[in-house]
């Protein structure tokens, strides 16, 4: 039973850390344009290697 006195605060801290990290990603607008990001990955506009 004494193990719970360690595990409960650790789990609350980790959950709070995850929540803060999620709100930070929302605040820095990292979810604004997921479709555009996926298209930019596949585009050849920034391809450094010449074809052929």
PDB file of N, CA and C in Angstrom:
ATOM      1  N   UNK A   1       0.817  -1.198   0.000  1.00  0.00           N
ATOM      2  CA  UNK A   1       0.000   0.000   0.000  1.00  0.00           C
ATOM      3  C   UNK A   1       0.864   1.266   0.000  1.00  0.00           C
ATOM      4  N   UNK A   2       2.056   1.174   0.567  1.00  0.00           N
ATOM      5  CA  UNK A   2       2.914   2.354   0.601  1.00  0.00           C
ATOM      6  C   UNK A   2       3.462   2.702  -0.779  1.00  0.00           C
ATOM      7  N   UNK A   3       3.413   1.741  -1.700  1.00  0.00           N
ATOM      8  CA  UNK A   3       3.868   2.017  -3.065  1.00  0.00           C
ATOM      9  C   UNK A   3       2.944   3.029  -3.730  1.00  0.00           C
ATOM     10  N   UNK A   4       1.669   3.014  -3.383  1.00  0.00           N
ATOM     11  CA  UNK A   4       0.719   3.956  -3.972  1.00  0.00           C
ATOM     12  C   UNK A   4       1.042   5.395  -3.600  1.00  0.00           C
ATOM     13  N   UNK A   5       1.683   5.614  -2.463  1.00  0.00           N
ATOM     14  CA  UNK A   5       2.035   6.981  -2.078  1.00  0.00           C
ATOM     15  C   UNK A   5       3.095   7.555  -3.008  1.00  0.00           C
ATOM     16  N   UNK A   6       3.836   6.692  -3.689  1.00  0.00           N
ATOM     17  CA  UNK A   6       4.805   7.150  -4.684  1.00  0.00           C
ATOM     18  C   UNK A   6       4.208   7.175  -6.084  1.00  0.00           C
ATOM     19  N   UNK A   7       3.429   6.171  -6.408  1.00  0.00           N
ATOM     20  CA  UNK A   7       2.922   6.046  -7.774  1.00  0.00           C
ATOM     21  C   UNK A   7       1.860   7.091  -8.121  1.00  0.00           C
ATOM     22  N   UNK A   8       1.002   7.427  -7.186  1.00  0.00           N
ATOM     23  CA  UNK A   8      -0.066   8.394  -7.469  1.00  0.00           C
ATOM     24  C   UNK A   8       0.511   9.783  -7.782  1.00  0.00           C
ATOM     25  N   UNK A   9       1.420  10.345  -6.972  1.00  0.00           N
ATOM     26  CA  UNK A   9       1.977  11.649  -7.345  1.00  0.00           C
ATOM     27  C   UNK A   9       2.794  11.622  -8.637  1.00  0.00           C
ATOM     28  N   UNK A  10       3.508  10.526  -8.880  1.00  0.00           N
ATOM     29  CA  UNK A  10       4.281  10.429 -10.123  1.00  0.00           C
ATOM     30  C   UNK A  10       3.345  10.411 -11.324  1.00  0.00           C
ATOM     31  N   UNK A  11       2.264   9.648 -11.241  1.00  0.00           N
ATOM     32  CA  UNK A  11       1.329   9.587 -12.362  1.00  0.00           C
ATOM     33  C   UNK A  11       0.610  10.919 -12.556  1.00  0.00           C
ATOM     34  N   UNK A  12       0.279  11.620 -11.473  1.00  0.00           N
ATOM     35  CA  UNK A  12      -0.342  12.938 -11.607  1.00  0.00           C
ATOM     36  C   UNK A  12       0.632  13.940 -12.231  1.00  0.00           C
ATOM     37  N   UNK A  13       1.889  13.864 -11.846  1.00  0.00           N
ATOM     38  CA  UNK A  13       2.892  14.753 -12.434  1.00  0.00           C
ATOM     39  C   UNK A  13       3.058  14.477 -13.920  1.00  0.00           C
ATOM     40  N   UNK A  14       3.173  13.217 -14.313  1.00  0.00           N
ATOM     41  CA  UNK A  14       3.343  12.880 -15.723  1.00  0.00           C
ATOM     42  C   UNK A  14       2.105  13.260 -16.546  1.00  0.00           C
ATOM     43  N   UNK A  15       0.920  13.049 -15.985  1.00  0.00           N
ATOM     44  CA  UNK A  15      -0.297  13.453 -16.683  1.00  0.00           C
ATOM     45  C   UNK A  15      -0.382  14.958 -16.843  1.00  0.00           C
ATOM     46  N   UNK A  16      -0.018  15.698 -15.803  1.00  0.00           N
ATOM     47  CA  UNK A  16       0.005  17.153 -15.885  1.00  0.00           C
ATOM     48  C   UNK A  16       1.036  17.648 -16.883  1.00  0.00           C
ATOM     49  N   UNK A  17       2.192  16.987 -16.921  1.00  0.00           N
ATOM     50  CA  UNK A  17       3.227  17.350 -17.884  1.00  0.00           C
ATOM     51  C   UNK A  17       2.727  17.132 -19.310  1.00  0.00           C
ATOM     52  N   UNK A  18       2.047  16.032 -19.548  1.00  0.00           N
ATOM     53  CA  UNK A  18       1.484  15.769 -20.868  1.00  0.00           C
ATOM     54  C   UNK A  18       0.430  16.786 -21.251  1.00  0.00           C
ATOM     55  N   UNK A  19      -0.387  17.199 -20.296  1.00  0.00           N
ATOM     56  CA  UNK A  19      -1.417  18.200 -20.563  1.00  0.00           C
ATOM     57  C   UNK A  19      -0.794  19.553 -20.882  1.00  0.00           C
ATOM     58  N   UNK A  20       0.232  19.919 -20.145  1.00  0.00           N
ATOM     59  CA  UNK A  20       0.931  21.183 -20.413  1.00  0.00           C
ATOM     60  C   UNK A  20       1.591  21.134 -21.785  1.00  0.00           C
ATOM     61  N   UNK A  21       2.196  20.007 -22.138  1.00  0.00           N
ATOM     62  CA  UNK A  21       2.828  19.877 -23.447  1.00  0.00           C
ATOM     63  C   UNK A  21       1.788  19.982 -24.561  1.00  0.00           C
ATOM     64  N   UNK A  22       0.614  19.402 -24.349  1.00  0.00           N
ATOM     65  CA  UNK A  22      -0.450  19.484 -25.357  1.00  0.00           C
ATOM     66  C   UNK A  22      -0.917  20.914 -25.536  1.00  0.00           C
ATOM     67  N   UNK A  23      -1.121  21.640 -24.438  1.00  0.00           N
ATOM     68  CA  UNK A  23      -1.548  23.036 -24.552  1.00  0.00           C
ATOM     69  C   UNK A  23      -0.461  23.901 -25.180  1.00  0.00           C
ATOM     70  N   UNK A  24       0.808  23.559 -24.954  1.00  0.00           N
ATOM     71  CA  UNK A  24       1.897  24.295 -25.591  1.00  0.00           C
ATOM     72  C   UNK A  24       1.850  24.107 -27.104  1.00  0.00           C
ATOM     73  N   UNK A  25       1.570  22.874 -27.557  1.00  0.00           N
ATOM     74  CA  UNK A  25       1.490  22.646 -28.995  1.00  0.00           C
ATOM     75  C   UNK A  25       0.299  23.382 -29.604  1.00  0.00           C
ATOM     76  N   UNK A  26      -0.795  23.490 -28.868  1.00  0.00           N
ATOM     77  CA  UNK A  26      -1.931  24.265 -29.366  1.00  0.00           C
ATOM     78  C   UNK A  26      -1.578  25.745 -29.442  1.00  0.00           C
ATOM     79  N   UNK A  27      -0.868  26.237 -28.443  1.00  0.00           N
ATOM     80  CA  UNK A  27      -0.529  27.655 -28.377  1.00  0.00           C
ATOM     81  C   UNK A  27       0.458  28.049 -29.483  1.00  0.00           C
ATOM     82  N   UNK A  28       1.353  27.154 -29.847  1.00  0.00           N
ATOM     83  CA  UNK A  28       2.328  27.460 -30.896  1.00  0.00           C
ATOM     84  C   UNK A  28       1.812  27.089 -32.278  1.00  0.00           C
ATOM     85  N   UNK A  29       0.544  26.765 -32.383  1.00  0.00           N
ATOM     86  CA  UNK A  29      -0.160  26.517 -33.657  1.00  0.00           C
ATOM     87  C   UNK A  29       0.470  25.409 -34.479  1.00  0.00           C
ATOM     88  N   UNK A  30       0.784  24.307 -33.850  1.00  0.00           N
ATOM     89  CA  UNK A  30       1.391  23.205 -34.579  1.00  0.00           C
ATOM     90  C   UNK A  30       0.366  22.328 -35.287  1.00  0.00           C
ATOM     91  N   UNK A  31      -0.919  22.576 -35.056  1.00  0.00           N
ATOM     92  CA  UNK A  31      -1.962  21.778 -35.693  1.00  0.00           C
ATOM     93  C   UNK A  31      -2.745  22.597 -36.721  1.00  0.00           C
ATOM     94  N   UNK A  32      -2.195  23.704 -37.187  1.00  0.00           N
ATOM     95  CA  UNK A  32      -2.936  24.607 -38.053  1.00  0.00           C
ATOM     96  C   UNK A  32      -3.203  24.046 -39.442  1.00  0.00           C
ATOM     97  N   UNK A  33      -2.218  23.443 -40.078  1.00  0.00           N
ATOM     98  CA  UNK A  33      -2.363  23.043 -41.477  1.00  0.00           C
ATOM     99  C   UNK A  33      -1.810  21.633 -41.704  1.00  0.00           C
ATOM    100  N   UNK A  34      -2.442  20.609 -41.151  1.00  0.00           N
ATOM    101  CA  UNK A  34      -1.893  19.267 -41.331  1.00  0.00           C
ATOM    102  C   UNK A  34      -1.963  18.767 -42.773  1.00  0.00           C
ATOM    103  N   UNK A  35      -2.984  19.175 -43.517  1.00  0.00           N
ATOM    104  CA  UNK A  35      -3.077  18.744 -44.921  1.00  0.00           C
ATOM    105  C   UNK A  35      -1.969  19.383 -45.744  1.00  0.00           C
ATOM    106  N   UNK A  36      -1.699  20.642 -45.537  1.00  0.00           N
ATOM    107  CA  UNK A  36      -0.629  21.315 -46.261  1.00  0.00           C
ATOM    108  C   UNK A  36       0.732  20.749 -45.912  1.00  0.00           C
ATOM    109  N   UNK A  37       0.923  20.387 -44.641  1.00  0.00           N
ATOM    110  CA  UNK A  37       2.198  19.791 -44.237  1.00  0.00           C
ATOM    111  C   UNK A  37       2.424  18.462 -44.934  1.00  0.00           C
ATOM    112  N   UNK A  38       1.385  17.665 -45.038  1.00  0.00           N
ATOM    113  CA  UNK A  38       1.543  16.364 -45.688  1.00  0.00           C
ATOM    114  C   UNK A  38       1.820  16.524 -47.177  1.00  0.00           C
ATOM    115  N   UNK A  39       1.273  17.546 -47.797  1.00  0.00           N
ATOM    116  CA  UNK A  39       1.548  17.775 -49.209  1.00  0.00           C
ATOM    117  C   UNK A  39       2.957  18.332 -49.429  1.00  0.00           C
ATOM    118  N   UNK A  40       3.446  19.145 -48.507  1.00  0.00           N
ATOM    119  CA  UNK A  40       4.793  19.695 -48.637  1.00  0.00           C
ATOM    120  C   UNK A  40       5.862  18.621 -48.503  1.00  0.00           C
ATOM    121  N   UNK A  41       5.597  17.588 -47.728  1.00  0.00           N
ATOM    122  CA  UNK A  41       6.557  16.503 -47.583  1.00  0.00           C
ATOM    123  C   UNK A  41       6.757  15.806 -48.925  1.00  0.00           C
ATOM    124  N   UNK A  42       5.684  15.656 -49.689  1.00  0.00           N
ATOM    125  CA  UNK A  42       5.743  14.910 -50.935  1.00  0.00           C
ATOM    126  C   UNK A  42       6.127  15.761 -52.143  1.00  0.00           C
ATOM    127  N   UNK A  43       6.181  17.075 -51.985  1.00  0.00           N
ATOM    128  CA  UNK A  43       6.469  17.918 -53.146  1.00  0.00           C
ATOM    129  C   UNK A  43       7.957  17.883 -53.472  1.00  0.00           C
ATOM    130  N   UNK A  44       8.270  18.161 -54.745  1.00  0.00           N
ATOM    131  CA  UNK A  44       9.654  18.160 -55.212  1.00  0.00           C
ATOM    132  C   UNK A  44      10.259  19.560 -55.199  1.00  0.00           C
ATOM    133  N   UNK A  45       9.571  20.524 -54.658  1.00  0.00           N
ATOM    134  CA  UNK A  45      10.033  21.898 -54.686  1.00  0.00           C
ATOM    135  C   UNK A  45      11.367  22.055 -53.944  1.00  0.00           C
ATOM    136  N   UNK A  46      11.554  21.373 -52.847  1.00  0.00           N
ATOM    137  CA  UNK A  46      12.763  21.510 -52.034  1.00  0.00           C
ATOM    138  C   UNK A  46      13.703  20.327 -52.203  1.00  0.00           C
ATOM    139  N   UNK A  47      13.596  19.635 -53.303  1.00  0.00           N
ATOM    140  CA  UNK A  47      14.439  18.473 -53.551  1.00  0.00           C
ATOM    141  C   UNK A  47      15.836  18.950 -53.952  1.00  0.00           C
ATOM    142  N   UNK A  48      16.859  18.566 -53.183  1.00  0.00           N
ATOM    143  CA  UNK A  48      18.219  19.008 -53.436  1.00  0.00           C
ATOM    144  C   UNK A  48      18.943  18.156 -54.465  1.00  0.00           C
ATOM    145  N   UNK A  49      18.432  16.973 -54.743  1.00  0.00           N
ATOM    146  CA  UNK A  49      19.110  16.063 -55.641  1.00  0.00           C
ATOM    147  C   UNK A  49      18.561  16.211 -57.065  1.00  0.00           C
ATOM    148  N   UNK A  50      19.424  16.443 -58.049  1.00  0.00           N
ATOM    149  CA  UNK A  50      18.923  16.537 -59.423  1.00  0.00           C
ATOM    150  C   UNK A  50      18.456  15.183 -59.940  1.00  0.00           C
ATOM    151  N   UNK A  51      17.471  15.220 -60.770  1.00  0.00           N
ATOM    152  CA  UNK A  51      16.933  13.968 -61.325  1.00  0.00           C
ATOM    153  C   UNK A  51      17.776  13.530 -62.522  1.00  0.00           C
ATOM    154  N   UNK A  52      17.937  12.218 -62.644  1.00  0.00           N
ATOM    155  CA  UNK A  52      18.583  11.707 -63.834  1.00  0.00           C
ATOM    156  C   UNK A  52      19.909  11.206 -63.610  1.00  0.00           C
TER     157      UNK A  52
END
